[in-house]
Amino acid sequence: MFGKNDEQLILNRISLLVLAFLDDRLDEAIATVPTTEFKETIVGTKKDGKPKRKLSGNVGDLVIQ
């Protein structure tokens, strides 16, 4: 899953974006955070036969829909 450093990175990004939203400067904050386009890839199947999916991007990236 995620390591301790990844968890801290995610919390920092969430804090940054929430505070920017409250200060009405979300567009500026989004420009400073790595982003990736929403894209799912099928990486196998689950035990119940449903497809196993993975989102594109790296840990801490902001997914744009």
PDB file of N, CA and C in Angstrom:
ATOM      1  N   MET A   1       0.848  -1.190   0.000  1.00  0.00           N
ATOM      2  CA  MET A   1       0.000   0.000   0.000  1.00  0.00           C
ATOM      3  C   MET A   1       0.887   1.245   0.000  1.00  0.00           C
ATOM      4  N   PHE A   2       0.699   2.080   1.003  1.00  0.00           N
ATOM      5  CA  PHE A   2       1.444   3.321   1.096  1.00  0.00           C
ATOM      6  C   PHE A   2       2.434   3.247   2.242  1.00  0.00           C
ATOM      7  N   GLY A   3       3.544   3.902   2.073  1.00  0.00           N
ATOM      8  CA  GLY A   3       4.511   3.996   3.160  1.00  0.00           C
ATOM      9  C   GLY A   3       4.253   5.241   4.002  1.00  0.00           C
ATOM     10  N   LYS A   4       4.974   5.370   5.085  1.00  0.00           N
ATOM     11  CA  LYS A   4       4.783   6.506   5.991  1.00  0.00           C
ATOM     12  C   LYS A   4       5.045   7.841   5.277  1.00  0.00           C
ATOM     13  N   ASN A   5       6.047   7.896   4.435  1.00  0.00           N
ATOM     14  CA  ASN A   5       6.327   9.133   3.689  1.00  0.00           C
ATOM     15  C   ASN A   5       5.205   9.455   2.717  1.00  0.00           C
ATOM     16  N   ASP A   6       4.623   8.425   2.102  1.00  0.00           N
ATOM     17  CA  ASP A   6       3.512   8.639   1.176  1.00  0.00           C
ATOM     18  C   ASP A   6       2.300   9.203   1.906  1.00  0.00           C
ATOM     19  N   GLU A   7       2.034   8.692   3.091  1.00  0.00           N
ATOM     20  CA  GLU A   7       0.892   9.175   3.862  1.00  0.00           C
ATOM     21  C   GLU A   7       1.060  10.651   4.199  1.00  0.00           C
ATOM     22  N   GLN A   8       2.254  11.050   4.595  1.00  0.00           N
ATOM     23  CA  GLN A   8       2.510  12.448   4.926  1.00  0.00           C
ATOM     24  C   GLN A   8       2.361  13.333   3.689  1.00  0.00           C
ATOM     25  N   LEU A   9       2.835  12.866   2.548  1.00  0.00           N
ATOM     26  CA  LEU A   9       2.712  13.610   1.300  1.00  0.00           C
ATOM     27  C   LEU A   9       1.244  13.832   0.954  1.00  0.00           C
ATOM     28  N   ILE A  10       0.437  12.779   1.068  1.00  0.00           N
ATOM     29  CA  ILE A  10      -0.987  12.885   0.751  1.00  0.00           C
ATOM     30  C   ILE A  10      -1.674  13.875   1.691  1.00  0.00           C
ATOM     31  N   LEU A  11      -1.390  13.795   2.988  1.00  0.00           N
ATOM     32  CA  LEU A  11      -1.990  14.722   3.946  1.00  0.00           C
ATOM     33  C   LEU A  11      -1.571  16.168   3.663  1.00  0.00           C
ATOM     34  N   ASN A  12      -0.317  16.370   3.302  1.00  0.00           N
ATOM     35  CA  ASN A  12       0.150  17.722   2.970  1.00  0.00           C
ATOM     36  C   ASN A  12      -0.568  18.275   1.742  1.00  0.00           C
ATOM     37  N   ARG A  13      -0.752  17.430   0.737  1.00  0.00           N
ATOM     38  CA  ARG A  13      -1.437  17.880  -0.484  1.00  0.00           C
ATOM     39  C   ARG A  13      -2.903  18.205  -0.196  1.00  0.00           C
ATOM     40  N   ILE A  14      -3.557  17.362   0.596  1.00  0.00           N
ATOM     41  CA  ILE A  14      -4.960  17.614   0.946  1.00  0.00           C
ATOM     42  C   ILE A  14      -5.070  18.936   1.711  1.00  0.00           C
ATOM     43  N   SER A  15      -4.184  19.148   2.669  1.00  0.00           N
ATOM     44  CA  SER A  15      -4.202  20.387   3.453  1.00  0.00           C
ATOM     45  C   SER A  15      -3.998  21.603   2.559  1.00  0.00           C
ATOM     46  N   LEU A  16      -3.036  21.519   1.659  1.00  0.00           N
ATOM     47  CA  LEU A  16      -2.761  22.612   0.740  1.00  0.00           C
ATOM     48  C   LEU A  16      -3.990  22.957  -0.095  1.00  0.00           C
ATOM     49  N   LEU A  17      -4.635  21.929  -0.642  1.00  0.00           N
ATOM     50  CA  LEU A  17      -5.783  22.160  -1.519  1.00  0.00           C
ATOM     51  C   LEU A  17      -7.005  22.662  -0.748  1.00  0.00           C
ATOM     52  N   VAL A  18      -7.225  22.148   0.454  1.00  0.00           N
ATOM     53  CA  VAL A  18      -8.369  22.604   1.262  1.00  0.00           C
ATOM     54  C   VAL A  18      -8.192  24.071   1.649  1.00  0.00           C
ATOM     55  N   LEU A  19      -7.007  24.430   2.126  1.00  0.00           N
ATOM     56  CA  LEU A  19      -6.760  25.821   2.510  1.00  0.00           C
ATOM     57  C   LEU A  19      -6.852  26.760   1.307  1.00  0.00           C
ATOM     58  N   ALA A  20      -6.369  26.317   0.165  1.00  0.00           N
ATOM     59  CA  ALA A  20      -6.465  27.130  -1.047  1.00  0.00           C
ATOM     60  C   ALA A  20      -7.926  27.316  -1.455  1.00  0.00           C
ATOM     61  N   PHE A  21      -8.726  26.279  -1.317  1.00  0.00           N
ATOM     62  CA  PHE A  21     -10.145  26.379  -1.635  1.00  0.00           C
ATOM     63  C   PHE A  21     -10.816  27.405  -0.720  1.00  0.00           C
ATOM     64  N   LEU A  22     -10.518  27.328   0.570  1.00  0.00           N
ATOM     65  CA  LEU A  22     -11.121  28.251   1.532  1.00  0.00           C
ATOM     66  C   LEU A  22     -10.660  29.692   1.308  1.00  0.00           C
ATOM     67  N   ASP A  23      -9.443  29.874   0.811  1.00  0.00           N
ATOM     68  CA  ASP A  23      -8.921  31.215   0.527  1.00  0.00           C
ATOM     69  C   ASP A  23      -9.270  31.688  -0.884  1.00  0.00           C
ATOM     70  N   ASP A  24     -10.058  30.903  -1.611  1.00  0.00           N
ATOM     71  CA  ASP A  24     -10.481  31.215  -2.977  1.00  0.00           C
ATOM     72  C   ASP A  24      -9.285  31.383  -3.922  1.00  0.00           C
ATOM     73  N   ARG A  25      -8.310  30.508  -3.790  1.00  0.00           N
ATOM     74  CA  ARG A  25      -7.156  30.493  -4.702  1.00  0.00           C
ATOM     75  C   ARG A  25      -6.798  29.057  -5.094  1.00  0.00           C
ATOM     76  N   LEU A  26      -7.831  28.288  -5.345  1.00  0.00           N
ATOM     77  CA  LEU A  26      -7.649  26.874  -5.684  1.00  0.00           C
ATOM     78  C   LEU A  26      -6.907  26.702  -7.005  1.00  0.00           C
ATOM     79  N   ASP A  27      -7.211  27.547  -7.988  1.00  0.00           N
ATOM     80  CA  ASP A  27      -6.531  27.429  -9.286  1.00  0.00           C
ATOM     81  C   ASP A  27      -5.023  27.591  -9.152  1.00  0.00           C
ATOM     82  N   GLU A  28      -4.596  28.509  -8.296  1.00  0.00           N
ATOM     83  CA  GLU A  28      -3.161  28.701  -8.066  1.00  0.00           C
ATOM     84  C   GLU A  28      -2.541  27.459  -7.433  1.00  0.00           C
ATOM     85  N   ALA A  29      -3.235  26.869  -6.474  1.00  0.00           N
ATOM     86  CA  ALA A  29      -2.715  25.694  -5.772  1.00  0.00           C
ATOM     87  C   ALA A  29      -2.634  24.487  -6.699  1.00  0.00           C
ATOM     88  N   ILE A  30      -3.620  24.328  -7.552  1.00  0.00           N
ATOM     89  CA  ILE A  30      -3.617  23.194  -8.482  1.00  0.00           C
ATOM     90  C   ILE A  30      -2.418  23.282  -9.424  1.00  0.00           C
ATOM     91  N   ALA A  31      -2.024  24.489  -9.758  1.00  0.00           N
ATOM     92  CA  ALA A  31      -0.875  24.682 -10.653  1.00  0.00           C
ATOM     93  C   ALA A  31       0.438  24.233 -10.009  1.00  0.00           C
ATOM     94  N   THR A  32       0.488  24.160  -8.670  1.00  0.00           N
ATOM     95  CA  THR A  32       1.730  23.784  -7.990  1.00  0.00           C
ATOM     96  C   THR A  32       1.807  22.297  -7.656  1.00  0.00           C
ATOM     97  N   VAL A  33       0.706  21.569  -7.849  1.00  0.00           N
ATOM     98  CA  VAL A  33       0.638  20.149  -7.480  1.00  0.00           C
ATOM     99  C   VAL A  33       0.718  19.300  -8.755  1.00  0.00           C
ATOM    100  N   PRO A  34       1.493  18.221  -8.750  1.00  0.00           N
ATOM    101  CA  PRO A  34       1.524  17.334  -9.922  1.00  0.00           C
ATOM    102  C   PRO A  34       0.125  16.762 -10.190  1.00  0.00           C
ATOM    103  N   THR A  35      -0.286  16.810 -11.435  1.00  0.00           N
ATOM    104  CA  THR A  35      -1.611  16.311 -11.806  1.00  0.00           C
ATOM    105  C   THR A  35      -1.487  15.204 -12.844  1.00  0.00           C
ATOM    106  N   THR A  36      -2.542  14.410 -12.932  1.00  0.00           N
ATOM    107  CA  THR A  36      -2.635  13.382 -13.959  1.00  0.00           C
ATOM    108  C   THR A  36      -4.080  13.277 -14.394  1.00  0.00           C
ATOM    109  N   GLU A  37      -4.285  12.912 -15.631  1.00  0.00           N
ATOM    110  CA  GLU A  37      -5.635  12.762 -16.155  1.00  0.00           C
ATOM    111  C   GLU A  37      -6.238  11.465 -15.625  1.00  0.00           C
ATOM    112  N   PHE A  38      -7.560  11.476 -15.367  1.00  0.00           N
ATOM    113  CA  PHE A  38      -8.237  10.287 -14.873  1.00  0.00           C
ATOM    114  C   PHE A  38      -8.192   9.208 -15.952  1.00  0.00           C
ATOM    115  N   LYS A  39      -7.556   8.080 -15.624  1.00  0.00           N
ATOM    116  CA  LYS A  39      -7.454   6.980 -16.570  1.00  0.00           C
ATOM    117  C   LYS A  39      -7.334   5.689 -15.777  1.00  0.00           C
ATOM    118  N   GLU A  40      -8.212   4.750 -16.073  1.00  0.00           N
ATOM    119  CA  GLU A  40      -8.174   3.437 -15.434  1.00  0.00           C
ATOM    120  C   GLU A  40      -7.561   2.428 -16.392  1.00  0.00           C
ATOM    121  N   THR A  41      -6.773   1.520 -15.854  1.00  0.00           N
ATOM    122  CA  THR A  41      -6.277   0.414 -16.644  1.00  0.00           C
ATOM    123  C   THR A  41      -6.641  -0.883 -15.930  1.00  0.00           C
ATOM    124  N   ILE A  42      -6.988  -1.879 -16.693  1.00  0.00           N
ATOM    125  CA  ILE A  42      -7.323  -3.184 -16.123  1.00  0.00           C
ATOM    126  C   ILE A  42      -6.024  -3.962 -15.986  1.00  0.00           C
ATOM    127  N   VAL A  43      -5.757  -4.433 -14.756  1.00  0.00           N
ATOM    128  CA  VAL A  43      -4.493  -5.102 -14.469  1.00  0.00           C
ATOM    129  C   VAL A  43      -4.683  -6.569 -14.104  1.00  0.00           C
ATOM    130  N   GLY A  44      -5.860  -7.090 -14.299  1.00  0.00           N
ATOM    131  CA  GLY A  44      -6.123  -8.483 -13.976  1.00  0.00           C
ATOM    132  C   GLY A  44      -7.574  -8.675 -13.585  1.00  0.00           C
ATOM    133  N   THR A  45      -7.843  -9.768 -12.899  1.00  0.00           N
ATOM    134  CA  THR A  45      -9.198 -10.037 -12.435  1.00  0.00           C
ATOM    135  C   THR A  45      -9.178 -10.391 -10.953  1.00  0.00           C
ATOM    136  N   LYS A  46     -10.271 -10.042 -10.283  1.00  0.00           N
ATOM    137  CA  LYS A  46     -10.431 -10.379  -8.871  1.00  0.00           C
ATOM    138  C   LYS A  46     -10.904 -11.820  -8.758  1.00  0.00           C
ATOM    139  N   LYS A  47     -10.948 -12.326  -7.527  1.00  0.00           N
ATOM    140  CA  LYS A  47     -11.395 -13.700  -7.308  1.00  0.00           C
ATOM    141  C   LYS A  47     -12.827 -13.912  -7.758  1.00  0.00           C
ATOM    142  N   ASP A  48     -13.654 -12.861  -7.681  1.00  0.00           N
ATOM    143  CA  ASP A  48     -15.057 -12.994  -8.090  1.00  0.00           C
ATOM    144  C   ASP A  48     -15.254 -12.808  -9.591  1.00  0.00           C
ATOM    145  N   GLY A  49     -14.179 -12.622 -10.354  1.00  0.00           N
ATOM    146  CA  GLY A  49     -14.258 -12.506 -11.803  1.00  0.00           C
ATOM    147  C   GLY A  49     -14.367 -11.080 -12.317  1.00  0.00           C
ATOM    148  N   LYS A  50     -14.565 -10.119 -11.438  1.00  0.00           N
ATOM    149  CA  LYS A  50     -14.650  -8.722 -11.860  1.00  0.00           C
ATOM    150  C   LYS A  50     -13.257  -8.212 -12.198  1.00  0.00           C
ATOM    151  N   PRO A  51     -13.168  -7.231 -13.108  1.00  0.00           N
ATOM    152  CA  PRO A  51     -11.849  -6.713 -13.476  1.00  0.00           C
ATOM    153  C   PRO A  51     -11.203  -5.939 -12.327  1.00  0.00           C
ATOM    154  N   LYS A  52      -9.902  -6.115 -12.188  1.00  0.00           N
ATOM    155  CA  LYS A  52      -9.110  -5.385 -11.198  1.00  0.00           C
ATOM    156  C   LYS A  52      -8.558  -4.157 -11.906  1.00  0.00           C
ATOM    157  N   ARG A  53      -8.826  -2.971 -11.348  1.00  0.00           N
ATOM    158  CA  ARG A  53      -8.450  -1.717 -12.002  1.00  0.00           C
ATOM    159  C   ARG A  53      -7.395  -0.963 -11.200  1.00  0.00           C
ATOM    160  N   LYS A  54      -6.644  -0.140 -11.924  1.00  0.00           N
ATOM    161  CA  LYS A  54      -5.633   0.715 -11.307  1.00  0.00           C
ATOM    162  C   LYS A  54      -5.730   2.096 -11.952  1.00  0.00           C
ATOM    163  N   LEU A  55      -5.622   3.139 -11.119  1.00  0.00           N
ATOM    164  CA  LEU A  55      -5.620   4.502 -11.648  1.00  0.00           C
ATOM    165  C   LEU A  55      -4.221   4.881 -12.107  1.00  0.00           C
ATOM    166  N   SER A  56      -4.140   5.728 -13.121  1.00  0.00           N
ATOM    167  CA  SER A  56      -2.843   6.196 -13.595  1.00  0.00           C
ATOM    168  C   SER A  56      -2.296   7.241 -12.637  1.00  0.00           C
ATOM    169  N   GLY A  57      -1.007   7.487 -12.702  1.00  0.00           N
ATOM    170  CA  GLY A  57      -0.382   8.504 -11.878  1.00  0.00           C
ATOM    171  C   GLY A  57       0.441   7.915 -10.751  1.00  0.00           C
ATOM    172  N   ASN A  58       1.005   8.801  -9.958  1.00  0.00           N
ATOM    173  CA  ASN A  58       1.840   8.415  -8.833  1.00  0.00           C
ATOM    174  C   ASN A  58       1.166   8.815  -7.531  1.00  0.00           C
ATOM    175  N   VAL A  59       1.690   8.316  -6.443  1.00  0.00           N
ATOM    176  CA  VAL A  59       1.165   8.651  -5.125  1.00  0.00           C
ATOM    177  C   VAL A  59       1.290  10.153  -4.917  1.00  0.00           C
ATOM    178  N   GLY A  60       0.199  10.804  -4.538  1.00  0.00           N
ATOM    179  CA  GLY A  60       0.207  12.236  -4.285  1.00  0.00           C
ATOM    180  C   GLY A  60      -0.199  13.084  -5.475  1.00  0.00           C
ATOM    181  N   ASP A  61      -0.339  12.488  -6.654  1.00  0.00           N
ATOM    182  CA  ASP A  61      -0.795  13.237  -7.820  1.00  0.00           C
ATOM    183  C   ASP A  61      -2.272  13.576  -7.671  1.00  0.00           C
ATOM    184  N   LEU A  62      -2.637  14.729  -8.161  1.00  0.00           N
ATOM    185  CA  LEU A  62      -4.025  15.155  -8.191  1.00  0.00           C
ATOM    186  C   LEU A  62      -4.644  14.629  -9.480  1.00  0.00           C
ATOM    187  N   VAL A  63      -5.719  13.839  -9.351  1.00  0.00           N
ATOM    188  CA  VAL A  63      -6.364  13.251 -10.524  1.00  0.00           C
ATOM    189  C   VAL A  63      -7.418  14.202 -11.022  1.00  0.00           C
ATOM    190  N   ILE A  64      -7.298  14.619 -12.272  1.00  0.00           N
ATOM    191  CA  ILE A  64      -8.224  15.549 -12.902  1.00  0.00           C
ATOM    192  C   ILE A  64      -9.250  14.749 -13.693  1.00  0.00           C
ATOM    193  N   GLN A  65     -10.525  15.031 -13.421  1.00  0.00           N
ATOM    194  CA  GLN A  65     -11.596  14.335 -14.146  1.00  0.00           C
ATOM    195  C   GLN A  65     -12.194  15.232 -15.183  1.00  0.00           C
TER     196      GLN A  65
END
